Amino acid sequence: MSLVGILVLMEILNRLEEKYFLSHLFALALTLFFLTTLCSHAYIISALEFEIGVKSGDWIEYQIDWIVPPSNAESYPIRTRREITDLDGATVTMIITVEMSNGSVSEKTEEGNIESGTGAAAMIFIPANLEAGDQVSIQGFDDVRIISESRGVYLEIERAVLFANFSDMGFDISIFWDKEKGTALEITSSHSTLGVKTTKIAATNLWSSERLDDNPVGFETLVFIVFFIAMLLTLLLYVRLRRRKKRRARKRSSV
């Protein structure tokens, strides 16, 4: 094969390499973009179903004031603490500590589901960032809905507060929840035999336990970063190929 034929063949191979290599890179970048966009869409749909405002390590204490103590009860709870030890999706595991009016203290570990409002989560924890009119699932009660949203001061901190009132099974209950965290701030309940009481937040680390991982990079931002890196790599490789092509062209012209 002549020198001219070899040079022509090398030029064809270089053009094929540049054309298809860049095509594959562009296809890869485009695939990453659509894949992350699809995942983002799925994430948003999932987030619309429910949000969890608490995390493992969060704790909250309540003071229980009895207006009418339960009838025929020698002792009744006056203070309770709930500390979250594990959170798996909407399933929460917590240590519940209860102080009784006779001075005794008990501790137990229980589970509940925040989304369905069952177990130890019932009434105390609800999905975060609900709005007026949204339904709240509470085990044993039907058609509980957020009535209104307002601002309230709890533990010297102003918070967005959700309110609901409902009656069933002889109970008449009013609850104020923290909108962002989805935790009960104040509960007033009355029952003919179980008494009338107000349960109100007395201490918590919910507003002072912010960590860097509580504010991760937004998913949409992550999508943009991945796409930007892919396109940047494509551009750098393209520039490298162009420079290599020019060097080869200079070599051929000097032959």
Protein backbone atom coordinates (compact mmCIF):
# COMPACT_ATOMS: atom_id res chain seq x y z
CA MET A 1 0.00 0.00 0.00
CA SER A 2 1.37 3.42 -0.97
CA LEU A 3 2.06 6.19 1.51
CA VAL A 4 -0.84 8.18 0.12
CA GLY A 5 -3.18 5.20 0.62
CA ILE A 6 -2.01 4.80 4.23
CA LEU A 7 -2.60 8.50 4.92
CA VAL A 8 -6.06 8.36 3.35
CA LEU A 9 -6.94 5.26 5.41
CA MET A 10 -5.71 6.92 8.62
CA GLU A 11 -7.79 10.00 7.85
CA ILE A 12 -10.90 7.86 7.32
CA LEU A 13 -10.27 5.99 10.59
CA ASN A 14 -9.73 9.26 12.46
CA ARG A 15 -12.97 10.70 11.12
CA LEU A 16 -14.88 7.53 12.03
CA GLU A 17 -13.33 7.52 15.48
CA GLU A 18 -14.21 11.17 16.08
CA LYS A 19 -17.71 10.84 14.66
CA TYR A 20 -18.85 7.71 16.45
CA PHE A 21 -16.92 8.28 19.65
CA LEU A 22 -18.52 11.67 20.14
CA SER A 23 -21.88 10.25 19.08
CA HIS A 24 -21.63 7.64 21.81
CA LEU A 25 -20.61 10.28 24.35
CA PHE A 26 -23.53 12.48 23.37
CA ALA A 27 -25.89 9.51 23.56
CA LEU A 28 -24.54 8.70 27.02
CA ALA A 29 -25.04 12.29 28.22
CA LEU A 30 -28.55 12.38 26.77
CA THR A 31 -29.39 9.05 28.40
CA LEU A 32 -28.15 10.32 31.77
CA PHE A 33 -30.26 13.45 31.39
CA PHE A 34 -33.49 11.61 30.59
CA LEU A 35 -32.80 8.97 33.26
CA THR A 36 -32.25 11.54 36.01
CA THR A 37 -35.25 13.55 34.81
CA LEU A 38 -37.41 10.41 34.97
CA CYS A 39 -36.12 9.61 38.44
CA SER A 40 -36.81 13.19 39.49
CA HIS A 41 -40.40 12.90 38.21
CA ALA A 42 -40.87 9.64 40.13
CA TYR A 43 -39.37 11.25 43.23
CA ILE A 44 -41.75 14.21 43.02
CA ILE A 45 -44.77 11.91 42.63
CA SER A 46 -43.64 9.92 45.66
CA ALA A 47 -43.07 13.10 47.67
CA LEU A 48 -46.61 14.25 46.89
CA GLU A 49 -48.01 11.17 48.65
CA PHE A 50 -46.51 12.03 52.04
CA GLU A 51 -43.49 13.67 53.66
CA ILE A 52 -41.77 12.72 56.88
CA GLY A 53 -40.70 15.69 58.98
CA VAL A 54 -38.86 13.84 61.75
CA LYS A 55 -35.73 11.75 61.83
CA SER A 56 -33.90 9.30 64.07
CA GLY A 57 -32.63 11.04 67.19
CA ASP A 58 -35.51 13.51 67.44
CA TRP A 59 -37.29 13.61 70.77
CA ILE A 60 -40.22 15.48 72.26
CA GLU A 61 -41.57 15.73 75.81
CA TYR A 62 -45.15 16.53 76.79
CA GLN A 63 -46.61 17.89 80.00
CA ILE A 64 -50.06 16.47 80.75
CA ASP A 65 -52.40 18.68 82.74
CA TRP A 66 -55.61 17.03 83.97
CA ILE A 67 -58.70 19.20 84.23
CA VAL A 68 -60.77 16.16 85.21
CA PRO A 69 -58.69 13.10 86.17
CA PRO A 70 -59.89 9.72 84.91
CA SER A 71 -62.46 8.19 87.20
CA ASN A 72 -61.48 5.18 89.31
CA ALA A 73 -57.78 5.64 88.46
CA GLU A 74 -55.25 5.53 91.30
CA SER A 75 -52.57 7.02 89.10
CA TYR A 76 -52.42 8.67 85.68
CA PRO A 77 -49.67 10.00 83.38
CA ILE A 78 -48.43 13.54 83.96
CA ARG A 79 -45.43 13.63 81.64
CA THR A 80 -44.30 11.63 78.63
CA ARG A 81 -41.30 11.58 76.33
CA ARG A 82 -40.96 10.05 72.85
CA GLU A 83 -37.55 9.57 71.31
CA ILE A 84 -37.24 8.27 67.75
CA THR A 85 -34.62 5.55 67.47
CA ASP A 86 -35.28 4.38 63.93
CA LEU A 87 -37.16 5.55 60.86
CA ASP A 88 -37.79 3.24 57.92
CA GLY A 89 -39.95 4.99 55.36
CA ALA A 90 -43.09 5.90 57.28
CA THR A 91 -42.48 3.30 59.99
CA VAL A 92 -41.09 4.85 63.14
CA THR A 93 -39.61 3.14 66.19
CA MET A 94 -39.49 5.11 69.42
CA ILE A 95 -38.75 4.85 73.11
CA ILE A 96 -41.74 6.05 75.13
CA THR A 97 -41.08 7.16 78.70
CA VAL A 98 -44.08 7.87 80.95
CA GLU A 99 -44.07 9.50 84.38
CA MET A 100 -47.13 8.77 86.51
CA SER A 101 -48.81 10.92 89.13
CA ASN A 102 -47.64 8.53 91.87
CA GLY A 103 -43.99 9.14 90.87
CA SER A 104 -43.38 5.88 89.02
CA VAL A 105 -41.64 5.96 85.63
CA SER A 106 -41.89 3.35 82.88
CA GLU A 107 -40.12 2.96 79.57
CA LYS A 108 -40.95 0.87 76.51
CA THR A 109 -40.11 0.65 72.82
CA GLU A 110 -42.98 0.78 70.33
CA GLU A 111 -43.54 1.16 66.60
CA GLY A 112 -46.02 3.10 64.52
CA ASN A 113 -46.68 4.28 61.00
CA ILE A 114 -46.77 8.00 60.33
CA GLU A 115 -48.58 7.79 57.01
CA SER A 116 -51.37 5.48 58.20
CA GLY A 117 -51.49 6.95 61.72
CA THR A 118 -51.25 3.62 63.51
CA GLY A 119 -49.49 2.29 66.58
CA ALA A 120 -47.29 4.64 68.59
CA ALA A 121 -47.45 7.25 65.82
CA ALA A 122 -51.23 7.68 66.03
CA MET A 123 -52.26 11.26 66.74
CA ILE A 124 -48.72 12.31 67.74
CA PHE A 125 -47.05 12.12 64.32
CA ILE A 126 -48.60 12.96 60.95
CA PRO A 127 -47.10 13.57 57.49
CA ALA A 128 -45.33 16.92 57.24
CA ASN A 129 -46.47 19.97 55.27
CA LEU A 130 -50.16 19.10 55.04
CA GLU A 131 -52.62 21.84 54.14
CA ALA A 132 -56.08 22.86 55.30
CA GLY A 133 -58.59 20.33 53.95
CA ASP A 134 -56.10 17.45 53.83
CA GLN A 135 -57.13 14.21 55.47
CA VAL A 136 -55.18 12.82 58.42
CA SER A 137 -55.16 9.11 59.20
CA ILE A 138 -55.55 8.35 62.91
CA GLN A 139 -56.17 4.82 64.06
CA GLY A 140 -59.71 4.43 65.43
CA PHE A 141 -61.04 7.69 64.02
CA ASP A 142 -62.71 8.34 60.66
CA ASP A 143 -62.55 11.35 58.36
CA VAL A 144 -60.14 13.52 60.32
CA ARG A 145 -59.17 16.61 58.32
CA ILE A 146 -57.01 19.67 58.81
CA ILE A 147 -59.42 22.54 59.54
CA SER A 148 -57.07 25.49 59.47
CA GLU A 149 -53.48 26.73 59.44
CA SER A 150 -52.13 29.54 61.62
CA ARG A 151 -49.03 30.75 63.44
CA GLY A 152 -48.35 29.81 67.04
CA VAL A 153 -45.56 30.21 69.59
CA TYR A 154 -44.32 27.05 71.28
CA LEU A 155 -41.23 26.96 73.47
CA GLU A 156 -40.60 30.60 72.49
CA ILE A 157 -40.43 29.70 68.79
CA GLU A 158 -43.05 30.82 66.28
CA ARG A 159 -44.22 27.90 64.14
CA ALA A 160 -46.71 27.19 61.37
CA VAL A 161 -49.48 25.24 63.08
CA LEU A 162 -52.19 22.94 61.73
CA PHE A 163 -55.45 22.44 63.64
CA ALA A 164 -58.02 19.65 63.65
CA ASN A 165 -61.03 18.85 65.78
CA PHE A 166 -62.95 15.56 65.74
CA SER A 167 -65.24 13.42 67.85
CA ASP A 168 -65.75 9.67 67.96
CA MET A 169 -66.04 6.78 70.43
CA GLY A 170 -66.98 9.16 73.22
CA PHE A 171 -63.92 11.37 72.68
CA ASP A 172 -63.86 15.02 71.73
CA ILE A 173 -60.34 15.91 70.59
CA SER A 174 -58.62 19.08 69.39
CA ILE A 175 -55.04 18.91 68.10
CA PHE A 176 -52.43 21.43 67.02
CA TRP A 177 -49.60 19.96 64.92
CA ASP A 178 -46.37 21.55 63.80
CA LYS A 179 -46.74 21.81 60.01
CA GLU A 180 -43.07 21.38 59.09
CA LYS A 181 -42.29 18.54 61.49
CA GLY A 182 -45.70 16.85 61.58
CA THR A 183 -45.63 16.45 65.36
CA ALA A 184 -48.33 17.21 67.91
CA LEU A 185 -47.78 20.44 69.81
CA GLU A 186 -50.93 20.50 71.90
CA ILE A 187 -53.79 18.04 72.38
CA THR A 188 -56.99 18.62 74.34
CA SER A 189 -59.16 15.55 74.84
CA SER A 190 -62.25 14.86 76.87
CA HIS A 191 -64.09 11.65 77.68
CA SER A 192 -66.83 10.91 80.17
CA THR A 193 -64.82 8.27 82.04
CA LEU A 194 -61.24 8.81 80.83
CA GLY A 195 -61.17 12.42 81.96
CA VAL A 196 -60.33 15.78 80.43
CA LYS A 197 -56.70 16.66 79.82
CA THR A 198 -54.38 18.93 77.87
CA THR A 199 -51.14 17.50 76.57
CA LYS A 200 -48.66 20.20 75.55
CA ILE A 201 -45.09 20.20 74.32
CA ALA A 202 -42.67 20.90 77.21
CA ALA A 203 -39.26 20.29 75.59
CA THR A 204 -37.82 19.06 72.31
CA ASN A 205 -34.76 19.04 70.07
CA LEU A 206 -36.86 19.31 66.90
CA TRP A 207 -35.86 22.93 66.30
CA SER A 208 -32.29 22.79 67.56
CA SER A 209 -30.97 19.53 66.08
CA GLU A 210 -30.47 20.76 62.51
CA ARG A 211 -27.54 19.04 60.83
CA LEU A 212 -25.96 19.42 57.44
CA ASP A 213 -27.61 16.23 56.26
CA ASP A 214 -31.02 17.71 57.11
CA ASN A 215 -30.59 20.03 54.11
CA PRO A 216 -29.21 17.85 51.35
CA VAL A 217 -28.67 19.03 47.81
CA GLY A 218 -32.05 19.22 46.08
CA PHE A 219 -32.79 16.39 43.66
CA GLU A 220 -33.30 18.80 40.76
CA THR A 221 -29.93 20.38 41.54
CA LEU A 222 -28.33 16.93 41.55
CA VAL A 223 -29.86 16.23 38.14
CA PHE A 224 -28.37 19.44 36.78
CA ILE A 225 -24.94 18.65 38.26
CA VAL A 226 -24.87 15.17 36.70
CA PHE A 227 -25.93 16.50 33.31
CA PHE A 228 -23.44 19.38 33.49
CA ILE A 229 -20.56 17.02 34.33
CA ALA A 230 -21.50 14.69 31.48
CA MET A 231 -21.62 17.56 28.99
CA LEU A 232 -18.34 19.00 30.33
CA LEU A 233 -16.61 15.65 29.86
CA THR A 234 -18.01 15.47 26.34
CA LEU A 235 -16.67 18.94 25.55
CA LEU A 236 -13.23 18.19 26.99
CA LEU A 237 -12.93 14.98 25.01
CA TYR A 238 -14.09 16.77 21.89
CA VAL A 239 -11.40 19.43 22.35
CA ARG A 240 -8.81 16.73 22.94
CA LEU A 241 -9.80 14.95 19.75
CA ARG A 242 -9.68 18.20 17.79
CA ARG A 243 -6.21 18.97 19.08
CA ARG A 244 -5.02 15.48 18.24
CA LYS A 245 -6.49 15.85 14.77
CA LYS A 246 -4.66 19.16 14.25
CA ARG A 247 -1.37 17.64 15.41
CA ARG A 248 -1.78 14.80 12.96
CA ALA A 249 -2.63 17.28 10.21
CA ARG A 250 0.54 19.27 10.96
CA LYS A 251 2.60 16.06 10.90
CA ARG A 252 1.15 15.09 7.54
CA SER A 253 1.81 18.53 6.09
CA SER A 254 5.43 18.37 7.23
CA VAL A 255 5.98 14.99 5.55
